[in-house]
Every structure is written in structure tokens, then in C-alpha cells.
Amino acid sequence: MEISTLATYHCLAFVWYFFVAYSISHVKTEERPSEVFLYGGQWKYLTVLNLVLQAVFYGVSFLADVLRLIKKLRCAKCVISSRDLLFSVLAFPVSMFVCISFWTLYTYNRELVYPKSLDGVIPLWLNHAMHTAVLPFALLEILALPHRYPAKKKGLILLGLVAFLYISWVLWIYSVTGEWVYPLFALFSPPGLAAFFAGSLAVIVSFYNFGEFLNRMIWGQSKFSS
């Protein structure tokens, strides 16, 4: 894909994610169900954090495209490295995880992740923008251009660190409020919850590996040096 076309695509994707993140952050306080958006606001939900992550990723991608267009190649190289690290370690696996885990649990029992009371607050289009569209965007990005993956150990350590930070945030919220971010967590005993978190980490690691596999199959082997 030509750089100018990539720049247009990344710019539009950035604007889209910025708009979706803005839309969810401006849900009127008085319309919010009492059981959601309390301590931590919308920033306790992985879905919303992913929207911000995607906006940052596409903003960095657009910047890299612009730098290449104006022939600032030395600066572009540094930005491209950041873009590829963001995509490989976070943007792709987190988007896969958000979409697949949400709709799996929603199909099983929506009250565990997305109470029916939210239907009157969050429009259907916004729900799909947050939980559905993120997956085709991630797949399209892999098809649009190659991304250099880091050494496997480095990539998995970074992904594990981010997962640990989010789990710590969830546990902190529970320690302060006595309420779980997602009702699903209340179903587990402490050992069961630890097993659930470990299983979720294993799933997101598998999505990381899947993204690396797709990138390699489509574009060939390309990695950062260790």
C-alpha cells in the first residue's frame, strides 16, 4: 500500500477511535446505571482502555506515515519502531481479546459483562464500535503493512507486565469499593479467580502468537534485534 494511502487510512482510524473514546467518556452521568461508572469511572474497563490504546497506536502510525512522506527518515525510523512495538505487543492481542472474550461471555450471560441496563445508555452502534469493530481494524492493519515483532521473550514480558498492571488495577478497585469491575468475577473463589486471570493471560498470549504468525505468513520473517 502506498504511503499516502496508508497515511489516509491511519488518520481516519485515529479519528474514528478518538470519536468512539470521546463518545463513551461523555455518557451523561445522570443516565448511567448505578452499578457502573462509579469508582475509577470508565477507566476501569478494559474495553475503554483499549479504545485509548488504539487511538494512540493509530496516531503514532499516522505520524510515521507523515514523516516518511516528508522524507524525515531518521525520525520516521524511531516512530516506526514504536508503532510496531505498540501493535505487536498490545494493539493486536488486546483487540482480539476484547472482541472475542466479550461476545463469548455476552452470549453465555450478558449480565456478567454488559448488564441489560446499559442498553438504554449506550447505543447499539457504540457497543459494536467498542466490542466488534476493533477486531476487523486489527486484522486490516496486519494486511495493510508489515510489522516488525520484538524478540519473543521481550514481547511476552511486556505483554505480561501490562496484564499484571491491569489486574492490579482491578484488584485495587475491589479493595476500595468491595465491588468487582465485572460481575463475572464475583462468581469465583480466590483460587478460582487466580485461575481465571491465569487463563485469560494464556488466551491473550495466544492472540499475540497468532498475530505474529499472521504477520510472518503474509509478510515474511521480520523481527527487532534482541
C-alpha atoms as a PDB file:
ATOM      1  CA  MET A   1       0.000   0.000   0.000  1.00  0.00           C
ATOM      2  CA  GLU A   2       1.342   3.459  -0.909  1.00  0.00           C
ATOM      3  CA  ILE A   3       2.446   5.717   1.936  1.00  0.00           C
ATOM      4  CA  SER A   4      -0.154   8.365   1.088  1.00  0.00           C
ATOM      5  CA  THR A   5      -2.909   5.747   1.202  1.00  0.00           C
ATOM      6  CA  LEU A   6      -1.593   4.415   4.492  1.00  0.00           C
ATOM      7  CA  ALA A   7      -1.498   7.929   5.925  1.00  0.00           C
ATOM      8  CA  THR A   8      -5.143   8.478   4.954  1.00  0.00           C
ATOM      9  CA  TYR A   9      -6.184   5.152   6.453  1.00  0.00           C
ATOM     10  CA  HIS A  10      -4.295   5.700   9.708  1.00  0.00           C
ATOM     11  CA  CYS A  11      -5.636   9.233  10.017  1.00  0.00           C
ATOM     12  CA  LEU A  12      -9.225   8.045   9.559  1.00  0.00           C
ATOM     13  CA  ALA A  13      -8.709   5.184  12.034  1.00  0.00           C
ATOM     14  CA  PHE A  14      -7.265   7.623  14.589  1.00  0.00           C
ATOM     15  CA  VAL A  15     -10.219   9.985  14.174  1.00  0.00           C
ATOM     16  CA  TRP A  16     -12.646   7.056  14.494  1.00  0.00           C
ATOM     17  CA  TYR A  17     -11.133   5.758  17.723  1.00  0.00           C
ATOM     18  CA  PHE A  18     -10.850   9.253  19.159  1.00  0.00           C
ATOM     19  CA  PHE A  19     -14.523   9.812  18.375  1.00  0.00           C
ATOM     20  CA  VAL A  20     -15.586   6.489  19.948  1.00  0.00           C
ATOM     21  CA  ALA A  21     -13.490   7.120  23.081  1.00  0.00           C
ATOM     22  CA  TYR A  22     -14.935  10.632  23.313  1.00  0.00           C
ATOM     23  CA  SER A  23     -18.470   9.279  22.910  1.00  0.00           C
ATOM     24  CA  ILE A  24     -18.180   6.723  25.712  1.00  0.00           C
ATOM     25  CA  SER A  25     -16.447   9.173  28.037  1.00  0.00           C
ATOM     26  CA  HIS A  26     -19.313  11.645  27.601  1.00  0.00           C
ATOM     27  CA  VAL A  27     -22.170   9.341  28.526  1.00  0.00           C
ATOM     28  CA  LYS A  28     -24.282  11.582  30.736  1.00  0.00           C
ATOM     29  CA  THR A  29     -23.703  10.936  34.433  1.00  0.00           C
ATOM     30  CA  GLU A  30     -27.390  11.056  35.311  1.00  0.00           C
ATOM     31  CA  GLU A  31     -28.153   8.374  32.717  1.00  0.00           C
ATOM     32  CA  ARG A  32     -25.606   5.866  33.950  1.00  0.00           C
ATOM     33  CA  PRO A  33     -26.918   2.813  35.819  1.00  0.00           C
ATOM     34  CA  SER A  34     -25.969   2.843  39.490  1.00  0.00           C
ATOM     35  CA  GLU A  35     -23.858  -0.321  39.193  1.00  0.00           C
ATOM     36  CA  VAL A  36     -21.410   1.024  36.597  1.00  0.00           C
ATOM     37  CA  PHE A  37     -19.087   4.017  36.151  1.00  0.00           C
ATOM     38  CA  LEU A  38     -18.525   4.501  39.879  1.00  0.00           C
ATOM     39  CA  TYR A  39     -15.011   4.350  41.350  1.00  0.00           C
ATOM     40  CA  GLY A  40     -12.488   4.563  38.529  1.00  0.00           C
ATOM     41  CA  GLY A  41     -15.144   5.732  36.065  1.00  0.00           C
ATOM     42  CA  GLN A  42     -14.938   4.262  32.605  1.00  0.00           C
ATOM     43  CA  TRP A  43     -11.174   3.849  33.062  1.00  0.00           C
ATOM     44  CA  LYS A  44     -11.650   0.591  34.959  1.00  0.00           C
ATOM     45  CA  TYR A  45     -12.991  -1.177  31.862  1.00  0.00           C
ATOM     46  CA  LEU A  46     -10.549  -2.903  29.521  1.00  0.00           C
ATOM     47  CA  THR A  47     -12.808  -2.017  26.588  1.00  0.00           C
ATOM     48  CA  VAL A  48     -12.392   1.731  27.193  1.00  0.00           C
ATOM     49  CA  LEU A  49      -8.674   1.461  27.865  1.00  0.00           C
ATOM     50  CA  ASN A  50      -8.376  -0.416  24.568  1.00  0.00           C
ATOM     51  CA  LEU A  51     -10.079   2.457  22.735  1.00  0.00           C
ATOM     52  CA  VAL A  52      -7.437   4.836  24.078  1.00  0.00           C
ATOM     53  CA  LEU A  53      -4.703   2.348  23.178  1.00  0.00           C
ATOM     54  CA  GLN A  54      -5.989   2.088  19.603  1.00  0.00           C
ATOM     55  CA  ALA A  55      -6.230   5.873  19.263  1.00  0.00           C
ATOM     56  CA  VAL A  56      -2.615   6.211  20.445  1.00  0.00           C
ATOM     57  CA  PHE A  57      -1.468   3.449  18.089  1.00  0.00           C
ATOM     58  CA  TYR A  58      -3.132   4.947  15.028  1.00  0.00           C
ATOM     59  CA  GLY A  59      -1.912   8.413  15.978  1.00  0.00           C
ATOM     60  CA  VAL A  60       1.669   7.089  16.111  1.00  0.00           C
ATOM     61  CA  SER A  61       1.101   5.243  12.814  1.00  0.00           C
ATOM     62  CA  PHE A  62      -0.154   8.417  11.137  1.00  0.00           C
ATOM     63  CA  LEU A  63       2.864  10.333  12.435  1.00  0.00           C
ATOM     64  CA  ALA A  64       5.189   7.673  10.997  1.00  0.00           C
ATOM     65  CA  ASP A  65       3.449   7.936   7.620  1.00  0.00           C
ATOM     66  CA  VAL A  66       3.735  11.726   7.587  1.00  0.00           C
ATOM     67  CA  LEU A  67       7.442  11.588   8.464  1.00  0.00           C
ATOM     68  CA  ARG A  68       8.029   9.160   5.608  1.00  0.00           C
ATOM     69  CA  LEU A  69       6.097  11.390   3.223  1.00  0.00           C
ATOM     70  CA  ILE A  70       8.204  14.441   4.079  1.00  0.00           C
ATOM     71  CA  LYS A  71      11.414  12.350   3.921  1.00  0.00           C
ATOM     72  CA  LYS A  72      12.309  12.678   7.613  1.00  0.00           C
ATOM     73  CA  LEU A  73      13.567   9.112   7.544  1.00  0.00           C
ATOM     74  CA  ARG A  74      15.738   9.214  10.666  1.00  0.00           C
ATOM     75  CA  CYS A  75      12.812  10.374  12.811  1.00  0.00           C
ATOM     76  CA  ALA A  76      10.456   8.043  10.967  1.00  0.00           C
ATOM     77  CA  LYS A  77      12.607   5.017  11.845  1.00  0.00           C
ATOM     78  CA  CYS A  78      12.250   5.685  15.575  1.00  0.00           C
ATOM     79  CA  VAL A  79       8.496   6.284  15.324  1.00  0.00           C
ATOM     80  CA  ILE A  80       8.029   3.143  13.212  1.00  0.00           C
ATOM     81  CA  SER A  81       9.803   1.094  15.869  1.00  0.00           C
ATOM     82  CA  SER A  82       7.375   2.453  18.486  1.00  0.00           C
ATOM     83  CA  ARG A  83       4.431   1.801  16.165  1.00  0.00           C
ATOM     84  CA  ASP A  84       5.407  -1.808  15.576  1.00  0.00           C
ATOM     85  CA  LEU A  85       6.035  -2.468  19.267  1.00  0.00           C
ATOM     86  CA  LEU A  86       2.643  -0.976  20.181  1.00  0.00           C
ATOM     87  CA  PHE A  87       0.852  -3.040  17.580  1.00  0.00           C
ATOM     88  CA  SER A  88       2.560  -6.370  18.172  1.00  0.00           C
ATOM     89  CA  VAL A  89       2.546  -6.360  21.985  1.00  0.00           C
ATOM     90  CA  LEU A  90      -0.692  -4.503  22.738  1.00  0.00           C
ATOM     91  CA  ALA A  91      -2.931  -3.213  19.952  1.00  0.00           C
ATOM     92  CA  PHE A  92      -3.466  -6.536  18.167  1.00  0.00           C
ATOM     93  CA  PRO A  93      -3.721  -9.012  21.088  1.00  0.00           C
ATOM     94  CA  VAL A  94      -5.832  -6.693  23.253  1.00  0.00           C
ATOM     95  CA  SER A  95      -8.288  -6.017  20.409  1.00  0.00           C
ATOM     96  CA  MET A  96      -8.633  -9.750  19.787  1.00  0.00           C
ATOM     97  CA  PHE A  97      -9.130 -10.390  23.486  1.00  0.00           C
ATOM     98  CA  VAL A  98     -11.713  -7.620  23.959  1.00  0.00           C
ATOM     99  CA  CYS A  99     -13.823  -8.716  20.995  1.00  0.00           C
ATOM    100  CA  ILE A 100     -13.731 -12.486  21.463  1.00  0.00           C
ATOM    101  CA  SER A 101     -13.973 -12.597  25.266  1.00  0.00           C
ATOM    102  CA  PHE A 102     -16.772 -10.002  25.361  1.00  0.00           C
ATOM    103  CA  TRP A 103     -19.018 -11.676  22.805  1.00  0.00           C
ATOM    104  CA  THR A 104     -18.338 -15.135  24.228  1.00  0.00           C
ATOM    105  CA  LEU A 105     -19.421 -14.042  27.703  1.00  0.00           C
ATOM    106  CA  TYR A 106     -22.224 -11.869  26.331  1.00  0.00           C
ATOM    107  CA  THR A 107     -23.664 -14.885  24.507  1.00  0.00           C
ATOM    108  CA  TYR A 108     -23.387 -17.038  27.631  1.00  0.00           C
ATOM    109  CA  ASN A 109     -24.842 -14.487  30.087  1.00  0.00           C
ATOM    110  CA  ARG A 110     -24.685 -10.822  29.217  1.00  0.00           C
ATOM    111  CA  GLU A 111     -25.291  -9.727  32.812  1.00  0.00           C
ATOM    112  CA  LEU A 112     -21.792 -10.935  33.648  1.00  0.00           C
ATOM    113  CA  VAL A 113     -20.122  -8.320  31.422  1.00  0.00           C
ATOM    114  CA  TYR A 114     -22.699  -5.916  29.974  1.00  0.00           C
ATOM    115  CA  PRO A 115     -25.879  -5.536  32.072  1.00  0.00           C
ATOM    116  CA  LYS A 116     -29.101  -5.000  30.165  1.00  0.00           C
ATOM    117  CA  SER A 117     -29.474  -1.662  31.937  1.00  0.00           C
ATOM    118  CA  LEU A 118     -26.719  -0.324  29.671  1.00  0.00           C
ATOM    119  CA  ASP A 119     -28.901  -0.709  26.567  1.00  0.00           C
ATOM    120  CA  GLY A 120     -30.725   2.493  27.409  1.00  0.00           C
ATOM    121  CA  VAL A 121     -27.485   4.396  27.919  1.00  0.00           C
ATOM    122  CA  ILE A 122     -25.031   3.121  25.294  1.00  0.00           C
ATOM    123  CA  PRO A 123     -26.396   2.998  21.715  1.00  0.00           C
ATOM    124  CA  LEU A 124     -26.093  -0.244  19.770  1.00  0.00           C
ATOM    125  CA  TRP A 125     -23.644   1.321  17.315  1.00  0.00           C
ATOM    126  CA  LEU A 126     -21.362   2.366  20.177  1.00  0.00           C
ATOM    127  CA  ASN A 127     -21.436  -1.108  21.684  1.00  0.00           C
ATOM    128  CA  HIS A 128     -20.335  -2.601  18.359  1.00  0.00           C
ATOM    129  CA  ALA A 129     -17.748   0.150  17.863  1.00  0.00           C
ATOM    130  CA  MET A 130     -16.185  -0.782  21.207  1.00  0.00           C
ATOM    131  CA  HIS A 131     -16.501  -4.550  21.079  1.00  0.00           C
ATOM    132  CA  THR A 132     -16.848  -5.631  17.440  1.00  0.00           C
ATOM    133  CA  ALA A 133     -15.126  -3.202  15.080  1.00  0.00           C
ATOM    134  CA  VAL A 134     -11.841  -3.456  16.984  1.00  0.00           C
ATOM    135  CA  LEU A 135     -11.195  -6.921  15.542  1.00  0.00           C
ATOM    136  CA  PRO A 136     -11.533  -6.147  11.797  1.00  0.00           C
ATOM    137  CA  PHE A 137      -9.471  -2.985  12.336  1.00  0.00           C
ATOM    138  CA  ALA A 138      -6.676  -5.094  13.858  1.00  0.00           C
ATOM    139  CA  LEU A 139      -6.804  -7.643  11.040  1.00  0.00           C
ATOM    140  CA  LEU A 140      -6.860  -4.907   8.402  1.00  0.00           C
ATOM    141  CA  GLU A 141      -3.752  -3.373   9.943  1.00  0.00           C
ATOM    142  CA  ILE A 142      -1.865  -6.648   9.524  1.00  0.00           C
ATOM    143  CA  LEU A 143      -2.959  -6.822   5.891  1.00  0.00           C
ATOM    144  CA  ALA A 144      -2.077  -3.179   5.236  1.00  0.00           C
ATOM    145  CA  LEU A 145       1.631  -3.294   6.079  1.00  0.00           C
ATOM    146  CA  PRO A 146       4.276  -5.489   7.753  1.00  0.00           C
ATOM    147  CA  HIS A 147       5.110  -5.002  11.424  1.00  0.00           C
ATOM    148  CA  ARG A 148       8.434  -5.958  12.953  1.00  0.00           C
ATOM    149  CA  TYR A 149       7.883  -8.096  16.037  1.00  0.00           C
ATOM    150  CA  PRO A 150      10.257  -7.934  19.010  1.00  0.00           C
ATOM    151  CA  ALA A 151      12.148 -10.946  20.302  1.00  0.00           C
ATOM    152  CA  LYS A 152       9.560 -13.364  21.739  1.00  0.00           C
ATOM    153  CA  LYS A 153      10.848 -13.083  25.311  1.00  0.00           C
ATOM    154  CA  LYS A 154      10.765  -9.291  25.219  1.00  0.00           C
ATOM    155  CA  GLY A 155       7.292  -9.180  23.694  1.00  0.00           C
ATOM    156  CA  LEU A 156       5.789 -11.601  26.200  1.00  0.00           C
ATOM    157  CA  ILE A 157       7.418  -9.844  29.171  1.00  0.00           C
ATOM    158  CA  LEU A 158       5.954  -6.515  28.078  1.00  0.00           C
ATOM    159  CA  LEU A 159       2.530  -8.048  27.474  1.00  0.00           C
ATOM    160  CA  GLY A 160       2.643  -9.818  30.846  1.00  0.00           C
ATOM    161  CA  LEU A 161       3.638  -6.579  32.589  1.00  0.00           C
ATOM    162  CA  VAL A 162       0.681  -4.706  31.116  1.00  0.00           C
ATOM    163  CA  ALA A 163      -1.669  -7.573  32.044  1.00  0.00           C
ATOM    164  CA  PHE A 164      -0.297  -7.521  35.607  1.00  0.00           C
ATOM    165  CA  LEU A 165      -0.878  -3.765  35.864  1.00  0.00           C
ATOM    166  CA  TYR A 166      -4.496  -4.086  34.715  1.00  0.00           C
ATOM    167  CA  ILE A 167      -5.203  -6.979  37.089  1.00  0.00           C
ATOM    168  CA  SER A 168      -3.655  -4.941  39.914  1.00  0.00           C
ATOM    169  CA  TRP A 169      -5.956  -2.037  38.984  1.00  0.00           C
ATOM    170  CA  VAL A 170      -8.996  -4.358  39.088  1.00  0.00           C
ATOM    171  CA  LEU A 171      -7.976  -5.755  42.496  1.00  0.00           C
ATOM    172  CA  TRP A 172      -7.310  -2.269  43.843  1.00  0.00           C
ATOM    173  CA  ILE A 173     -10.795  -1.137  42.836  1.00  0.00           C
ATOM    174  CA  TYR A 174     -12.273  -4.166  44.612  1.00  0.00           C
ATOM    175  CA  SER A 175     -10.230  -3.451  47.747  1.00  0.00           C
ATOM    176  CA  VAL A 176     -11.538   0.129  47.824  1.00  0.00           C
ATOM    177  CA  THR A 177     -15.182  -0.413  46.861  1.00  0.00           C
ATOM    178  CA  GLY A 178     -15.926  -4.051  47.630  1.00  0.00           C
ATOM    179  CA  GLU A 179     -17.380  -4.323  44.117  1.00  0.00           C
ATOM    180  CA  TRP A 180     -15.866  -6.091  41.122  1.00  0.00           C
ATOM    181  CA  VAL A 181     -15.320  -4.278  37.842  1.00  0.00           C
ATOM    182  CA  TYR A 182     -17.205  -7.093  36.101  1.00  0.00           C
ATOM    183  CA  PRO A 183     -19.965  -9.091  37.894  1.00  0.00           C
ATOM    184  CA  LEU A 184     -18.347 -12.220  36.454  1.00  0.00           C
ATOM    185  CA  PHE A 185     -15.526 -12.024  38.995  1.00  0.00           C
ATOM    186  CA  ALA A 186     -17.935 -12.348  41.938  1.00  0.00           C
ATOM    187  CA  LEU A 187     -18.679 -15.934  40.872  1.00  0.00           C
ATOM    188  CA  PHE A 188     -15.153 -17.117  41.687  1.00  0.00           C
ATOM    189  CA  SER A 189     -13.402 -18.075  44.885  1.00  0.00           C
ATOM    190  CA  PRO A 190      -9.915 -16.513  45.313  1.00  0.00           C
ATOM    191  CA  PRO A 191      -8.174 -19.595  43.816  1.00  0.00           C
ATOM    192  CA  GLY A 192     -10.778 -19.716  41.042  1.00  0.00           C
ATOM    193  CA  LEU A 193     -10.237 -16.045  40.266  1.00  0.00           C
ATOM    194  CA  ALA A 194      -6.471 -16.555  40.140  1.00  0.00           C
ATOM    195  CA  ALA A 195      -7.027 -19.439  37.718  1.00  0.00           C
ATOM    196  CA  PHE A 196      -9.355 -17.259  35.628  1.00  0.00           C
ATOM    197  CA  PHE A 197      -6.765 -14.482  35.409  1.00  0.00           C
ATOM    198  CA  ALA A 198      -4.070 -17.026  34.501  1.00  0.00           C
ATOM    199  CA  GLY A 199      -6.326 -18.499  31.820  1.00  0.00           C
ATOM    200  CA  SER A 200      -7.077 -15.036  30.435  1.00  0.00           C
ATOM    201  CA  LEU A 201      -3.349 -14.307  30.270  1.00  0.00           C
ATOM    202  CA  ALA A 202      -2.811 -17.565  28.390  1.00  0.00           C
ATOM    203  CA  VAL A 203      -5.534 -16.568  25.918  1.00  0.00           C
ATOM    204  CA  ILE A 204      -4.087 -13.121  25.258  1.00  0.00           C
ATOM    205  CA  VAL A 205      -0.613 -14.662  24.819  1.00  0.00           C
ATOM    206  CA  SER A 206      -2.123 -16.991  22.213  1.00  0.00           C
ATOM    207  CA  PHE A 207      -3.513 -13.918  20.420  1.00  0.00           C
ATOM    208  CA  TYR A 208      -0.040 -12.368  20.491  1.00  0.00           C
ATOM    209  CA  ASN A 209       1.381 -15.520  18.899  1.00  0.00           C
ATOM    210  CA  PHE A 210      -1.454 -15.576  16.361  1.00  0.00           C
ATOM    211  CA  GLY A 211      -0.694 -12.001  15.316  1.00  0.00           C
ATOM    212  CA  GLU A 212       2.993 -12.834  14.904  1.00  0.00           C
ATOM    213  CA  PHE A 213       2.043 -15.909  12.868  1.00  0.00           C
ATOM    214  CA  LEU A 214      -0.234 -13.913  10.551  1.00  0.00           C
ATOM    215  CA  ASN A 215       2.373 -11.204  10.098  1.00  0.00           C
ATOM    216  CA  ARG A 216       5.016 -13.788   9.214  1.00  0.00           C
ATOM    217  CA  MET A 217       2.723 -15.697   6.846  1.00  0.00           C
ATOM    218  CA  ILE A 218       1.698 -12.547   4.968  1.00  0.00           C
ATOM    219  CA  TRP A 219       4.917 -10.553   5.002  1.00  0.00           C
ATOM    220  CA  GLY A 220       7.712 -12.973   5.885  1.00  0.00           C
ATOM    221  CA  GLN A 221      10.025 -13.047   8.907  1.00  0.00           C
ATOM    222  CA  SER A 222      10.907  -9.630  10.306  1.00  0.00           C
ATOM    223  CA  LYS A 223      11.994  -9.019  13.901  1.00  0.00           C
ATOM    224  CA  PHE A 224      13.690  -6.471  16.053  1.00  0.00           C
ATOM    225  CA  SER A 225      17.109  -7.431  17.163  1.00  0.00           C
ATOM    226  CA  SER A 226      17.167  -8.925  20.666  1.00  0.00           C
END
